[in-house]
Every structure is written in C-alpha cells, then in structure tokens.
Amino acid sequence: MSGKTIETAEQRRDALVERIFESCVGFMELLSIYIGDRLGLYRALANNGEATATELASATGTHERYVREWLEQQTVAGILEVEDEKAEPEVRSYRLPQGHQEVLLERDSLNYLAPLARQMVGVSRPLPALLEAFRTGGGVSYPEYGADMREGIAYGNRAMFVNLMGTEWLPSIPDVHERLQADPPARVADIGCGTGWSSIAIARAYPRARVDGFDLDESSVAEARTNAEAEALADRVAFHLRDAADPELSGRYDLAIAFECIHDMSRPVEALQAMRSLTGEDGAAIVVDERVAESFEAPSDEVERLMYGFSVLHCLPVGMAEQPSAATGTVMRPATLRRYATQAGYRDVEVLPIENDLWRFYRLVP
C-alpha cells in the first residue's frame, strides 16, 4: 500500500467539482478569445499598442460598453494588461502583453492557437443534431459544423504546413523528397485537402511539383481555390470537388498524401484503395493522422483526452453521416490503420521517424 494515494469518495467528489468548475471558467475564456479574434479586437490592440474601450470600439466598429466589459474580462483572465487598474473604467488603457500577440495573431507561428477557439465554437454548433445522432445511430455532416469549424481546422493546421512541410516532414522521406525536386515535374494528390494549405505548402516547398487537392466539401474547395490565387500558386495547384477514387485518375500521381482525414471517412478502406490506384506500384502513399496511444488506457494524458473530445463531438459523427460507415472516430490507433491498409491491398505500413506532438506519419507499402 505504500506510495499509493488513497482517495475517499468525498475526495474524488471534491476533485471533480473543482475540475468541472475550472473547465467552465476555461470554456468561457475560450469563447471570449473567439470574440476578440472574430471582431478584430486583438489585431486593433496590437496595431495601436494600447487603447481605451472607446478607442478600441471606434477602431473596430463595435459598441463601447461591450468592449469595456470584454477588456475587463480579458484582463481579469490574464490575457490582457491594464495600464492603471485604479483609473475610471472609461479611461483605463489596455494592451497585449509581450508574447501573447504571437499566440493570438501571428498565423505563421507554430504557437498560434486562436483557431482553437473557432474549433470549439464549431463543435458546439450542431449539438441538437449530435444528440439526435446519439439516439438514432446516424451522423452529422461536415457542413453542419459551419465556417468556424472549417476555418478553425484550416488555420489550426496551417502553421505546421507552412513551417514543417518542406523543412522537416517530406525531406525526411528521401525518395519522395528527391522525386518532388526532379523532372519531369512530380504529380501530387492531396486527399481531403480542406481549404488547401497542405497542397499550397507542398507546392511552395517544391517549385517543380504539380499538386491536385481533392475534397468533397464545396465550401472548402472554394476557399482552397481562393487561397491558391492569393498565394500566386494557381498555375501549379488545382483543387477539385471530386472523389479521388475516380478510375480516370488511376496511375497519374507520384505521391498521394492524406493529412488528418482518413479517420473522418465513412469508408476509409476505399480511400486507401483510391490512394493505391492513384500512385500505382511506383508511387508513394503517405497517411498523416492523430498520434493517439497504441492501446486504450484510462485515465490518459491530455493529448488522448483532446482526441477523444474531438471524436465524440465531431469526427465520429462526421464519419457516420454516410452509411455504411466504418465508424472510426478520431482515435484511430496504428493497428486500426494497418488493418485498413491490409484490406486495401497494401503489404505493410511503416511508421515514419517524424516527430510531432499531435500527428503520426505512416507510409503505406504496396
């Protein structure tokens, strides 16, 4: 018995009470970050250096009384700083502390986390439909989560694509890296491309490559095309509202890659079969998905808790929106992907030696 902490029922109860209370506070602070992000309040503070409620409201086209309450709440939460807390509310001046601007505003930074607030609002949007799915065994389609979820995912992942795609991830796969630099220009199929930042990052890192992004969400494809135009890459990056399993695409690609989407698919085996068809025997197929534990353990760490939260609220319902469904969910363990790959006709699955806190990189061996 030595070395073990014995908890009474009352101690466990009190710990859960404290945890739920703290989660409630954190959830409301996250929603307040969403307000600051969506209304441009953080950006205006950063541009002005500091501002009163009146000045910030004027700069953002918002109402002074709401802005004043938000500024006070943000300061109480430790997200903003106030010049003189004893000053009258109308004349207090607020600013972003050093370091916070990177987290809230710098979308190229790996520390940019404001999109998480958009994701949390997004997963909350279709809760009535989710409750009905729990009762019936149906699902919730991806478009029902709306722009907040779509943009939250896009900008939550964008910094990793921009910073790591061509510097760490693909260069660590020597034959793929070499082919992407060579002539004739390599062809890349980006499966489940979303709003296109993964495709854009590949094209940016490899100026000879031609990238086709495939997705079945109309709004995502439209945004992806806009993003490619804005990045001046539309001549080498094309986005298609099309099923990548189309037989007409067979054998056209040197690389098929799928970022954080296989677990969302109703028919993941068919998706992997499509990747095999796209690349034939000579191309490469890479799947990037969640770095979940090898097996179920409870209680678990924060990453596993995060993944299960997304699974319950988003990924499993999306995957079950079409039937029949494999009903995978976010927590797709390596053994599950190996089983899917074997069913899709691959001989083996290699876990690539690429370090990432949230994602695991797999190579499918034909």
Protein backbone atom coordinates (compact mmCIF):
# COMPACT_ATOMS: atom_id res chain seq x y z
CA MET A 1 0.00 0.00 0.00
CA SER A 2 2.97 2.33 0.49
CA GLY A 3 3.50 5.00 -2.16
CA LYS A 4 -0.15 4.97 -3.24
CA THR A 5 -2.58 7.79 -2.66
CA ILE A 6 -5.82 6.53 -1.17
CA GLU A 7 -8.76 8.70 -2.14
CA THR A 8 -12.05 8.63 -0.39
CA ALA A 9 -15.32 9.07 -2.25
CA GLU A 10 -15.53 12.59 -0.82
CA GLN A 11 -12.06 13.48 -2.09
CA ARG A 12 -12.88 12.21 -5.57
CA ARG A 13 -16.14 14.13 -5.47
CA ASP A 14 -14.43 17.37 -4.47
CA ALA A 15 -11.76 16.92 -7.14
CA LEU A 16 -14.43 16.50 -9.81
CA VAL A 17 -16.32 19.54 -8.55
CA GLU A 18 -13.14 21.62 -8.83
CA ARG A 19 -12.33 20.22 -12.27
CA ILE A 20 -15.78 20.97 -13.70
CA PHE A 21 -15.72 24.49 -12.25
CA GLU A 22 -12.29 25.19 -13.75
CA SER A 23 -13.42 23.77 -17.09
CA CYS A 24 -16.42 26.11 -17.05
CA VAL A 25 -14.17 29.12 -16.47
CA GLY A 26 -11.78 27.96 -19.19
CA PHE A 27 -14.61 27.38 -21.66
CA MET A 28 -15.98 30.89 -21.18
CA GLU A 29 -12.49 32.39 -21.53
CA LEU A 30 -12.06 30.46 -24.77
CA LEU A 31 -15.32 31.89 -26.06
CA SER A 32 -14.10 35.37 -25.13
CA ILE A 33 -10.96 34.71 -27.18
CA TYR A 34 -13.27 33.81 -30.07
CA ILE A 35 -14.95 37.22 -29.72
CA GLY A 36 -11.60 39.02 -29.74
CA ASP A 37 -10.45 37.04 -32.76
CA ARG A 38 -13.62 37.37 -34.83
CA LEU A 39 -14.18 41.06 -34.14
CA GLY A 40 -10.56 42.07 -34.70
CA LEU A 41 -10.12 43.36 -31.15
CA TYR A 42 -6.71 41.75 -30.64
CA ARG A 43 -5.48 43.00 -34.02
CA ALA A 44 -6.56 46.55 -33.25
CA LEU A 45 -4.85 46.44 -29.85
CA ALA A 46 -1.66 45.19 -31.47
CA ASN A 47 -1.81 47.91 -34.13
CA ASN A 48 -2.45 50.70 -31.60
CA GLY A 49 -0.07 49.50 -28.91
CA GLU A 50 -2.72 50.17 -26.29
CA ALA A 51 -6.26 51.53 -26.24
CA THR A 52 -9.17 52.52 -24.06
CA ALA A 53 -12.56 50.88 -24.55
CA THR A 54 -13.73 53.91 -26.52
CA GLU A 55 -10.68 53.89 -28.78
CA LEU A 56 -10.89 50.15 -29.37
CA ALA A 57 -14.61 50.28 -30.11
CA SER A 58 -14.04 53.10 -32.58
CA ALA A 59 -11.22 51.21 -34.31
CA THR A 60 -13.27 48.01 -34.68
CA GLY A 61 -16.79 49.32 -35.29
CA THR A 62 -18.11 47.82 -32.06
CA HIS A 63 -20.07 49.09 -29.06
CA GLU A 64 -18.05 50.74 -26.30
CA ARG A 65 -19.94 49.17 -23.39
CA TYR A 66 -19.49 45.64 -24.70
CA VAL A 67 -15.84 46.29 -25.49
CA ARG A 68 -15.23 47.68 -22.00
CA GLU A 69 -16.68 44.55 -20.40
CA TRP A 70 -14.61 42.36 -22.70
CA LEU A 71 -11.42 44.27 -21.89
CA GLU A 72 -12.02 43.92 -18.16
CA GLN A 73 -12.78 40.21 -18.51
CA GLN A 74 -9.66 39.64 -20.62
CA THR A 75 -7.55 41.45 -18.05
CA VAL A 76 -9.03 39.55 -15.11
CA ALA A 77 -8.22 36.37 -17.04
CA GLY A 78 -4.59 37.47 -17.54
CA ILE A 79 -4.85 37.63 -21.33
CA LEU A 80 -4.51 41.43 -21.49
CA GLU A 81 -2.81 44.01 -19.24
CA VAL A 82 -4.21 47.29 -17.93
CA GLU A 83 -2.14 50.45 -17.54
CA ASP A 84 -3.82 51.65 -14.33
CA GLU A 85 -6.43 49.41 -12.76
CA LYS A 86 -7.43 52.20 -10.34
CA ALA A 87 -8.39 54.57 -13.15
CA GLU A 88 -12.02 55.13 -14.02
CA PRO A 89 -13.40 52.37 -16.30
CA GLU A 90 -13.92 54.72 -19.24
CA VAL A 91 -10.29 55.88 -19.31
CA ARG A 92 -8.41 52.69 -18.48
CA SER A 93 -5.92 51.75 -21.19
CA TYR A 94 -5.26 48.12 -22.16
CA ARG A 95 -2.57 46.28 -24.12
CA LEU A 96 -1.46 42.85 -25.25
CA PRO A 97 1.43 41.56 -23.09
CA GLN A 98 4.67 40.60 -24.78
CA GLY A 99 4.40 37.06 -26.11
CA HIS A 100 0.60 36.98 -26.29
CA GLN A 101 0.47 38.58 -29.74
CA GLU A 102 2.21 35.54 -31.26
CA VAL A 103 -0.36 33.16 -29.78
CA LEU A 104 -3.40 35.22 -30.73
CA LEU A 105 -2.42 36.91 -34.01
CA GLU A 106 0.64 35.50 -35.80
CA ARG A 107 -0.84 32.85 -38.09
CA ASP A 108 2.57 31.71 -39.36
CA SER A 109 3.74 30.83 -35.84
CA LEU A 110 3.61 27.29 -34.52
CA ASN A 111 2.36 28.87 -31.29
CA TYR A 112 -0.71 30.41 -32.98
CA LEU A 113 -3.69 28.98 -31.09
CA ALA A 114 -6.56 31.39 -31.74
CA PRO A 115 -8.05 28.91 -34.26
CA LEU A 116 -8.73 26.52 -31.38
CA ALA A 117 -11.39 28.92 -30.17
CA ARG A 118 -13.05 28.77 -33.59
CA GLN A 119 -12.95 24.97 -33.44
CA MET A 120 -14.60 24.91 -30.03
CA VAL A 121 -17.40 27.14 -31.24
CA GLY A 122 -17.67 24.97 -34.36
CA VAL A 123 -18.02 21.68 -32.48
CA SER A 124 -20.78 23.24 -30.38
CA ARG A 125 -22.82 24.45 -33.35
CA PRO A 126 -24.74 21.27 -34.24
CA LEU A 127 -25.29 19.89 -30.72
CA PRO A 128 -29.03 19.24 -31.27
CA ALA A 129 -28.17 17.20 -34.36
CA LEU A 130 -25.47 15.36 -32.40
CA LEU A 131 -27.93 14.40 -29.67
CA GLU A 132 -30.25 13.03 -32.33
CA ALA A 133 -27.35 11.06 -33.85
CA PHE A 134 -26.65 9.52 -30.45
CA ARG A 135 -30.28 8.37 -30.30
CA THR A 136 -30.57 7.07 -33.84
CA GLY A 137 -27.05 5.94 -34.78
CA GLY A 138 -26.92 8.45 -37.61
CA GLY A 139 -24.34 11.17 -38.09
CA VAL A 140 -23.74 14.90 -38.50
CA SER A 141 -22.43 16.05 -41.86
CA TYR A 142 -19.26 18.14 -42.03
CA PRO A 143 -21.04 21.23 -43.49
CA GLU A 144 -23.35 21.33 -40.45
CA TYR A 145 -20.37 22.42 -38.32
CA GLY A 146 -20.11 25.61 -40.34
CA ALA A 147 -17.40 28.12 -41.14
CA ASP A 148 -15.97 28.23 -37.62
CA MET A 149 -15.03 24.56 -37.70
CA ARG A 150 -13.80 24.67 -41.29
CA GLU A 151 -11.64 27.75 -40.71
CA GLY A 152 -10.58 26.63 -37.25
CA ILE A 153 -9.17 23.38 -38.64
CA ALA A 154 -7.59 25.15 -41.61
CA TYR A 155 -5.77 27.80 -39.62
CA GLY A 156 -5.04 25.46 -36.74
CA ASN A 157 -3.00 23.29 -39.11
CA ARG A 158 -1.71 25.93 -41.50
CA ALA A 159 1.34 26.96 -39.46
CA MET A 160 2.58 23.36 -39.34
CA PHE A 161 2.19 23.03 -43.09
CA VAL A 162 3.94 26.34 -43.76
CA ASN A 163 6.82 25.74 -41.36
CA LEU A 164 7.41 21.98 -41.47
CA MET A 165 6.21 20.50 -44.77
CA GLY A 166 9.31 21.32 -46.80
CA THR A 167 11.84 21.62 -43.98
CA GLU A 168 11.22 18.53 -41.86
CA TRP A 169 8.39 16.27 -42.96
CA LEU A 170 8.87 15.50 -46.63
CA PRO A 171 12.68 15.90 -46.60
CA SER A 172 12.78 13.09 -44.03
CA ILE A 173 11.44 10.70 -46.72
CA PRO A 174 14.46 10.66 -49.07
CA ASP A 175 12.96 9.08 -52.20
CA VAL A 176 9.84 11.24 -52.01
CA HIS A 177 11.90 14.38 -51.38
CA GLU A 178 14.13 13.56 -54.36
CA ARG A 179 11.22 12.87 -56.71
CA LEU A 180 9.46 16.11 -55.74
CA GLN A 181 12.57 18.07 -56.76
CA ALA A 182 13.13 16.23 -60.03
CA ASP A 183 11.98 16.43 -63.65
CA PRO A 184 9.63 15.66 -65.17
CA PRO A 185 7.55 17.53 -62.58
CA ALA A 186 6.12 15.26 -59.93
CA ARG A 187 2.36 14.96 -59.58
CA VAL A 188 0.91 15.02 -56.06
CA ALA A 189 -2.62 14.09 -54.99
CA ASP A 190 -3.63 15.69 -51.69
CA ILE A 191 -6.60 13.69 -50.39
CA GLY A 192 -9.12 15.51 -48.18
CA CYS A 193 -7.28 18.78 -48.80
CA GLY A 194 -9.76 21.03 -46.98
CA THR A 195 -9.06 24.70 -47.64
CA GLY A 196 -5.82 23.82 -49.37
CA TRP A 197 -2.97 24.84 -47.09
CA SER A 198 -1.31 21.42 -47.23
CA SER A 199 -1.36 21.47 -51.04
CA ILE A 200 -0.10 25.04 -51.10
CA ALA A 201 2.74 24.20 -48.69
CA ILE A 202 3.86 21.26 -50.86
CA ALA A 203 3.88 23.43 -53.97
CA ARG A 204 5.71 26.22 -52.16
CA ALA A 205 8.40 23.81 -50.89
CA TYR A 206 8.82 22.07 -54.27
CA PRO A 207 8.65 24.58 -57.14
CA ARG A 208 8.64 21.85 -59.82
CA ALA A 209 5.76 19.85 -58.36
CA ARG A 210 2.15 19.96 -59.55
CA VAL A 211 -0.43 19.41 -56.84
CA ASP A 212 -4.08 18.39 -57.14
CA GLY A 213 -6.18 18.73 -53.99
CA PHE A 214 -9.34 16.65 -53.69
CA ASP A 215 -12.22 17.25 -51.31
CA LEU A 216 -15.96 16.65 -51.24
CA ASP A 217 -16.85 19.77 -49.24
CA GLU A 218 -17.87 22.53 -51.63
CA SER A 219 -17.06 25.43 -49.29
CA SER A 220 -13.60 24.03 -48.54
CA VAL A 221 -12.75 23.68 -52.22
CA ALA A 222 -13.94 27.22 -52.95
CA GLU A 223 -11.74 28.60 -50.17
CA ALA A 224 -8.81 26.47 -51.32
CA ARG A 225 -9.01 27.98 -54.79
CA THR A 226 -9.10 31.48 -53.32
CA ASN A 227 -6.08 30.68 -51.16
CA ALA A 228 -4.08 29.35 -54.11
CA GLU A 229 -4.83 32.51 -56.08
CA ALA A 230 -3.79 34.70 -53.16
CA GLU A 231 -0.52 32.78 -52.85
CA ALA A 232 0.11 33.08 -56.63
CA LEU A 233 0.22 29.30 -56.99
CA ALA A 234 -2.90 28.60 -59.02
CA ASP A 235 -0.72 27.67 -62.01
CA ARG A 236 0.67 24.64 -60.12
CA VAL A 237 -2.05 23.88 -57.57
CA ALA A 238 -5.57 22.87 -58.57
CA PHE A 239 -8.48 21.96 -56.32
CA HIS A 240 -11.23 19.57 -57.29
CA LEU A 241 -14.68 18.91 -55.87
CA ARG A 242 -14.25 15.30 -56.86
CA ASP A 243 -13.87 11.84 -55.43
CA ALA A 244 -10.22 10.83 -55.72
CA ALA A 245 -11.41 7.24 -56.27
CA ASP A 246 -12.45 8.15 -59.82
CA PRO A 247 -10.86 5.44 -62.04
CA GLU A 248 -9.88 8.10 -64.58
CA LEU A 249 -7.21 9.28 -62.11
CA SER A 250 -5.54 5.90 -61.79
CA GLY A 251 -1.75 5.91 -62.05
CA ARG A 252 -1.38 9.65 -62.58
CA TYR A 253 0.48 10.53 -59.37
CA ASP A 254 3.93 10.11 -57.87
CA LEU A 255 2.67 10.84 -54.36
CA ALA A 256 -0.74 10.53 -52.70
CA ILE A 257 -0.92 12.06 -49.24
CA ALA A 258 -3.77 12.38 -46.74
CA PHE A 259 -3.49 14.74 -43.78
CA GLU A 260 -5.69 14.13 -40.74
CA CYS A 261 -8.71 12.93 -42.69
CA ILE A 262 -8.76 9.12 -43.04
CA HIS A 263 -10.30 8.72 -39.59
CA ASP A 264 -13.16 11.07 -40.63
CA MET A 265 -14.15 8.99 -43.64
CA SER A 266 -17.12 6.66 -43.70
CA ARG A 267 -15.21 4.23 -45.92
CA PRO A 268 -11.51 4.51 -45.07
CA VAL A 269 -10.56 1.26 -46.81
CA GLU A 270 -11.94 2.60 -50.07
CA ALA A 271 -9.98 5.83 -49.54
CA LEU A 272 -6.75 3.87 -49.11
CA GLN A 273 -7.60 1.79 -52.19
CA ALA A 274 -8.01 5.05 -54.07
CA MET A 275 -4.56 6.20 -52.94
CA ARG A 276 -3.11 2.89 -54.16
CA SER A 277 -4.82 3.35 -57.52
CA LEU A 278 -3.64 6.95 -57.85
CA THR A 279 0.03 6.05 -57.37
CA GLY A 280 0.24 2.56 -58.85
CA GLU A 281 3.20 0.39 -57.90
CA ASP A 282 5.88 3.05 -58.26
CA GLY A 283 4.38 5.99 -56.38
CA ALA A 284 4.33 6.69 -52.65
CA ALA A 285 1.33 6.83 -50.33
CA ILE A 286 1.56 8.73 -47.04
CA VAL A 287 -1.11 8.97 -44.34
CA VAL A 288 -0.77 11.54 -41.56
CA ASP A 289 -3.19 11.03 -38.70
CA GLU A 290 -3.55 11.52 -34.97
CA ARG A 291 -0.75 10.45 -32.62
CA VAL A 292 -3.03 8.53 -30.30
CA ALA A 293 -1.86 5.82 -27.90
CA GLU A 294 -1.16 2.32 -29.17
CA SER A 295 -3.96 0.96 -26.98
CA PHE A 296 -6.75 2.14 -24.70
CA GLU A 297 -5.65 3.22 -21.22
CA ALA A 298 -7.63 5.11 -18.61
CA PRO A 299 -7.11 7.64 -17.29
CA SER A 300 -4.84 9.00 -20.00
CA ASP A 301 -2.86 12.10 -20.93
CA GLU A 302 -4.12 15.40 -22.29
CA VAL A 303 -3.50 14.52 -25.94
CA GLU A 304 -5.64 11.40 -25.65
CA ARG A 305 -8.32 13.40 -23.84
CA LEU A 306 -8.24 16.01 -26.62
CA MET A 307 -8.57 13.35 -29.31
CA TYR A 308 -11.50 11.65 -27.60
CA GLY A 309 -13.20 15.02 -27.16
CA PHE A 310 -12.96 15.73 -30.88
CA SER A 311 -14.10 12.20 -31.64
CA VAL A 312 -17.29 12.42 -29.60
CA LEU A 313 -18.18 15.92 -30.79
CA HIS A 314 -17.01 15.92 -34.41
CA CYS A 315 -15.06 13.15 -36.09
CA LEU A 316 -17.21 10.14 -35.26
CA PRO A 317 -20.48 11.95 -36.15
CA VAL A 318 -18.96 13.17 -39.43
CA GLY A 319 -17.77 9.66 -40.25
CA MET A 320 -21.24 8.25 -39.56
CA ALA A 321 -23.07 10.81 -41.68
CA GLU A 322 -22.85 8.38 -44.60
CA GLN A 323 -23.82 4.75 -44.24
CA PRO A 324 -22.50 2.13 -44.24
CA SER A 325 -19.68 3.51 -42.12
CA ALA A 326 -16.54 2.09 -40.54
CA ALA A 327 -17.30 4.45 -37.61
CA THR A 328 -13.62 5.01 -36.92
CA GLY A 329 -13.55 8.26 -34.94
CA THR A 330 -10.54 10.41 -34.13
CA VAL A 331 -8.81 7.73 -32.06
CA MET A 332 -7.59 5.64 -34.99
CA ARG A 333 -4.86 3.57 -33.42
CA PRO A 334 -1.93 2.29 -35.53
CA ALA A 335 -3.33 -1.24 -35.51
CA THR A 336 -6.59 0.04 -36.98
CA LEU A 337 -4.85 1.82 -39.84
CA ARG A 338 -2.76 -1.29 -40.50
CA ARG A 339 -5.95 -3.34 -40.73
CA TYR A 340 -7.50 -0.86 -43.14
CA ALA A 341 -4.32 -0.79 -45.25
CA THR A 342 -4.18 -4.58 -45.45
CA GLN A 343 -7.81 -4.67 -46.56
CA ALA A 344 -6.95 -2.03 -49.18
CA GLY A 345 -4.23 -4.27 -50.63
CA TYR A 346 -1.07 -2.85 -49.08
CA ARG A 347 1.63 -5.25 -47.90
CA ASP A 348 2.77 -3.21 -44.93
CA VAL A 349 2.56 0.09 -43.05
CA GLU A 350 5.70 1.85 -41.84
CA VAL A 351 5.59 4.42 -39.04
CA LEU A 352 7.96 7.14 -40.24
CA PRO A 353 10.50 8.66 -37.82
CA ILE A 354 8.92 12.12 -37.89
CA GLU A 355 8.36 13.73 -34.50
CA ASN A 356 5.18 15.64 -33.87
CA ASP A 357 3.19 16.07 -30.68
CA LEU A 358 -0.18 15.51 -32.34
CA TRP A 359 0.35 13.59 -35.59
CA ARG A 360 1.82 10.24 -36.59
CA PHE A 361 3.19 9.72 -40.12
CA TYR A 362 2.60 6.42 -41.92
CA ARG A 363 3.91 5.13 -45.24
CA LEU A 364 1.77 2.54 -46.96
CA VAL A 365 3.85 -0.14 -48.69
CA PRO A 366 2.26 -1.62 -51.86
